[in-house]
Amino acid sequence: MKHILVIISVFVLATFTFTSFGCDKKTDCNATITVVDSSGIVSNATVKLFANVKSGSTNYVADVKATGTTDEGGVVKFTFKLPAIFDINATKVVGTHTYVGTGIIKLEEGKGTEKTVTIK
């Protein structure tokens, strides 16, 4: 009888251990965008991530999109729950002139992706 209790205890402990730690998978997709110009980093630039979708001859922007502002280091970060491919549009207004930069970023499940966008 003592051996049966030991076997059952080990089985319960092993089941708890494997179910508690075996399924924690990080699936977030992180995007880090750095905005630069000819003189270096650009703070306070507006960065938009969006997906253009084509339906026949009509283009429209998908519902999944994000907007952020670069920090003092010229960086803005986004986190999404699912993988995606986004267009990047970075803008900075100085006086009456608007500087613009574009790019594309591919986000993969559980990974971080970095992209540098140059505005002109």
C-alpha atoms as a PDB file:
ATOM      1  CA  MET A   1       0.000   0.000   0.000  1.00  0.00           C
ATOM      2  CA  LYS A   2       2.885   2.345   0.809  1.00  0.00           C
ATOM      3  CA  HIS A   3       4.349   1.850  -2.690  1.00  0.00           C
ATOM      4  CA  ILE A   4       1.047   2.763  -4.343  1.00  0.00           C
ATOM      5  CA  LEU A   5       0.853   6.048  -2.390  1.00  0.00           C
ATOM      6  CA  VAL A   6       4.421   6.926  -3.405  1.00  0.00           C
ATOM      7  CA  ILE A   7       3.689   6.165  -7.072  1.00  0.00           C
ATOM      8  CA  ILE A   8       0.474   8.220  -7.024  1.00  0.00           C
ATOM      9  CA  SER A   9       2.264  11.129  -5.279  1.00  0.00           C
ATOM     10  CA  VAL A  10       5.064  11.119  -7.851  1.00  0.00           C
ATOM     11  CA  PHE A  11       2.533  10.971 -10.705  1.00  0.00           C
ATOM     12  CA  VAL A  12       0.527  13.929  -9.307  1.00  0.00           C
ATOM     13  CA  LEU A  13       3.682  15.972  -8.723  1.00  0.00           C
ATOM     14  CA  ALA A  14       5.003  15.234 -12.226  1.00  0.00           C
ATOM     15  CA  THR A  15       1.647  16.089 -13.814  1.00  0.00           C
ATOM     16  CA  PHE A  16       1.505  19.399 -11.947  1.00  0.00           C
ATOM     17  CA  THR A  17       5.096  20.259 -12.864  1.00  0.00           C
ATOM     18  CA  PHE A  18       4.686  19.562 -16.587  1.00  0.00           C
ATOM     19  CA  THR A  19       1.346  21.345 -16.933  1.00  0.00           C
ATOM     20  CA  SER A  20       2.504  24.399 -14.973  1.00  0.00           C
ATOM     21  CA  PHE A  21       5.741  25.045 -16.829  1.00  0.00           C
ATOM     22  CA  GLY A  22       5.362  23.355 -20.196  1.00  0.00           C
ATOM     23  CA  CYS A  23       2.807  25.651 -21.834  1.00  0.00           C
ATOM     24  CA  ASP A  24       4.157  29.130 -21.156  1.00  0.00           C
ATOM     25  CA  LYS A  25       4.974  30.265 -24.681  1.00  0.00           C
ATOM     26  CA  LYS A  26       5.724  33.903 -25.426  1.00  0.00           C
ATOM     27  CA  THR A  27       3.734  34.887 -28.491  1.00  0.00           C
ATOM     28  CA  ASP A  28       3.946  38.690 -28.380  1.00  0.00           C
ATOM     29  CA  CYS A  29       5.414  40.367 -31.454  1.00  0.00           C
ATOM     30  CA  ASN A  30       7.553  43.396 -30.573  1.00  0.00           C
ATOM     31  CA  ALA A  31       8.489  46.155 -32.999  1.00  0.00           C
ATOM     32  CA  THR A  32      11.198  48.723 -32.278  1.00  0.00           C
ATOM     33  CA  ILE A  33      11.384  51.600 -34.762  1.00  0.00           C
ATOM     34  CA  THR A  34      14.277  54.075 -34.759  1.00  0.00           C
ATOM     35  CA  VAL A  35      13.863  57.303 -36.721  1.00  0.00           C
ATOM     36  CA  VAL A  36      16.948  59.107 -38.042  1.00  0.00           C
ATOM     37  CA  ASP A  37      17.768  61.888 -40.467  1.00  0.00           C
ATOM     38  CA  SER A  38      21.015  63.029 -42.073  1.00  0.00           C
ATOM     39  CA  SER A  39      22.205  64.544 -38.783  1.00  0.00           C
ATOM     40  CA  GLY A  40      21.289  61.666 -36.454  1.00  0.00           C
ATOM     41  CA  ILE A  41      18.386  60.581 -34.295  1.00  0.00           C
ATOM     42  CA  VAL A  42      14.991  62.287 -34.456  1.00  0.00           C
ATOM     43  CA  SER A  43      12.973  62.756 -31.281  1.00  0.00           C
ATOM     44  CA  ASN A  44       9.237  63.559 -31.239  1.00  0.00           C
ATOM     45  CA  ALA A  45       8.624  62.068 -34.681  1.00  0.00           C
ATOM     46  CA  THR A  46       5.210  60.491 -35.275  1.00  0.00           C
ATOM     47  CA  VAL A  47       5.426  56.844 -36.334  1.00  0.00           C
ATOM     48  CA  LYS A  48       2.433  54.988 -37.773  1.00  0.00           C
ATOM     49  CA  LEU A  49       2.259  51.242 -38.399  1.00  0.00           C
ATOM     50  CA  PHE A  50      -0.545  50.098 -40.684  1.00  0.00           C
ATOM     51  CA  ALA A  51      -1.436  47.400 -43.181  1.00  0.00           C
ATOM     52  CA  ASN A  52      -2.614  48.350 -46.656  1.00  0.00           C
ATOM     53  CA  VAL A  53      -5.180  45.895 -47.956  1.00  0.00           C
ATOM     54  CA  LYS A  54      -6.240  45.702 -51.586  1.00  0.00           C
ATOM     55  CA  SER A  55      -9.756  44.631 -52.503  1.00  0.00           C
ATOM     56  CA  GLY A  56     -10.159  44.673 -56.268  1.00  0.00           C
ATOM     57  CA  SER A  57      -9.128  48.145 -57.349  1.00  0.00           C
ATOM     58  CA  THR A  58      -9.690  49.703 -53.910  1.00  0.00           C
ATOM     59  CA  ASN A  59      -6.956  50.174 -51.287  1.00  0.00           C
ATOM     60  CA  TYR A  60      -7.847  50.566 -47.632  1.00  0.00           C
ATOM     61  CA  VAL A  61      -6.057  50.410 -44.292  1.00  0.00           C
ATOM     62  CA  ALA A  62      -6.797  47.340 -42.154  1.00  0.00           C
ATOM     63  CA  ASP A  63      -8.190  47.679 -38.629  1.00  0.00           C
ATOM     64  CA  VAL A  64      -4.862  46.704 -37.041  1.00  0.00           C
ATOM     65  CA  LYS A  65      -2.731  49.821 -36.789  1.00  0.00           C
ATOM     66  CA  ALA A  66      -0.728  51.759 -34.213  1.00  0.00           C
ATOM     67  CA  THR A  67       0.676  55.240 -33.723  1.00  0.00           C
ATOM     68  CA  GLY A  68       3.451  56.377 -31.423  1.00  0.00           C
ATOM     69  CA  THR A  69       5.989  59.147 -30.873  1.00  0.00           C
ATOM     70  CA  THR A  70       9.745  58.637 -30.733  1.00  0.00           C
ATOM     71  CA  ASP A  71      11.521  59.288 -27.460  1.00  0.00           C
ATOM     72  CA  GLU A  72      14.716  61.304 -26.935  1.00  0.00           C
ATOM     73  CA  GLY A  73      16.724  58.460 -28.479  1.00  0.00           C
ATOM     74  CA  GLY A  74      14.586  58.455 -31.640  1.00  0.00           C
ATOM     75  CA  VAL A  75      12.939  55.137 -30.666  1.00  0.00           C
ATOM     76  CA  VAL A  76       9.315  54.033 -30.404  1.00  0.00           C
ATOM     77  CA  LYS A  77       8.168  50.514 -29.433  1.00  0.00           C
ATOM     78  CA  PHE A  78       4.999  48.588 -30.247  1.00  0.00           C
ATOM     79  CA  THR A  79       3.679  45.187 -29.097  1.00  0.00           C
ATOM     80  CA  PHE A  80       1.150  43.104 -31.019  1.00  0.00           C
ATOM     81  CA  LYS A  81      -0.426  39.749 -30.138  1.00  0.00           C
ATOM     82  CA  LEU A  82      -0.187  38.276 -33.644  1.00  0.00           C
ATOM     83  CA  PRO A  83       2.450  38.239 -36.411  1.00  0.00           C
ATOM     84  CA  ALA A  84       1.962  40.778 -39.190  1.00  0.00           C
ATOM     85  CA  ILE A  85       3.634  42.801 -41.908  1.00  0.00           C
ATOM     86  CA  PHE A  86       3.218  46.547 -41.447  1.00  0.00           C
ATOM     87  CA  ASP A  87       4.000  49.602 -43.523  1.00  0.00           C
ATOM     88  CA  ILE A  88       5.826  52.287 -41.570  1.00  0.00           C
ATOM     89  CA  ASN A  89       5.232  56.007 -42.017  1.00  0.00           C
ATOM     90  CA  ALA A  90       7.397  58.366 -39.936  1.00  0.00           C
ATOM     91  CA  THR A  91       6.864  62.138 -40.019  1.00  0.00           C
ATOM     92  CA  LYS A  92       8.430  65.125 -38.307  1.00  0.00           C
ATOM     93  CA  VAL A  93       7.210  68.693 -38.762  1.00  0.00           C
ATOM     94  CA  VAL A  94       9.845  71.426 -38.375  1.00  0.00           C
ATOM     95  CA  GLY A  95       8.474  74.896 -38.995  1.00  0.00           C
ATOM     96  CA  THR A  96       6.591  74.700 -42.294  1.00  0.00           C
ATOM     97  CA  HIS A  97       8.483  71.682 -43.625  1.00  0.00           C
ATOM     98  CA  THR A  98       7.341  68.075 -43.099  1.00  0.00           C
ATOM     99  CA  TYR A  99      10.004  65.373 -43.216  1.00  0.00           C
ATOM    100  CA  VAL A 100       8.789  61.896 -44.172  1.00  0.00           C
ATOM    101  CA  GLY A 101      10.260  58.397 -44.107  1.00  0.00           C
ATOM    102  CA  THR A 102       8.721  55.043 -44.965  1.00  0.00           C
ATOM    103  CA  GLY A 103       9.539  51.383 -44.567  1.00  0.00           C
ATOM    104  CA  ILE A 104       8.170  47.900 -43.970  1.00  0.00           C
ATOM    105  CA  ILE A 105       8.515  45.676 -40.893  1.00  0.00           C
ATOM    106  CA  LYS A 106       7.701  41.982 -40.524  1.00  0.00           C
ATOM    107  CA  LEU A 107       6.717  40.848 -37.035  1.00  0.00           C
ATOM    108  CA  GLU A 108       7.193  37.212 -36.053  1.00  0.00           C
ATOM    109  CA  GLU A 109       5.571  35.323 -33.199  1.00  0.00           C
ATOM    110  CA  GLY A 110       7.540  35.527 -29.968  1.00  0.00           C
ATOM    111  CA  LYS A 111      10.296  37.669 -31.476  1.00  0.00           C
ATOM    112  CA  GLY A 112      11.383  41.273 -31.495  1.00  0.00           C
ATOM    113  CA  THR A 113      12.102  43.096 -34.735  1.00  0.00           C
ATOM    114  CA  GLU A 114      14.029  46.330 -35.130  1.00  0.00           C
ATOM    115  CA  LYS A 115      13.843  48.731 -38.068  1.00  0.00           C
ATOM    116  CA  THR A 116      15.483  52.075 -38.778  1.00  0.00           C
ATOM    117  CA  VAL A 117      13.570  54.624 -40.866  1.00  0.00           C
ATOM    118  CA  THR A 118      15.332  57.615 -42.414  1.00  0.00           C
ATOM    119  CA  ILE A 119      13.268  60.774 -42.887  1.00  0.00           C
ATOM    120  CA  LYS A 120      14.058  63.308 -45.618  1.00  0.00           C
END
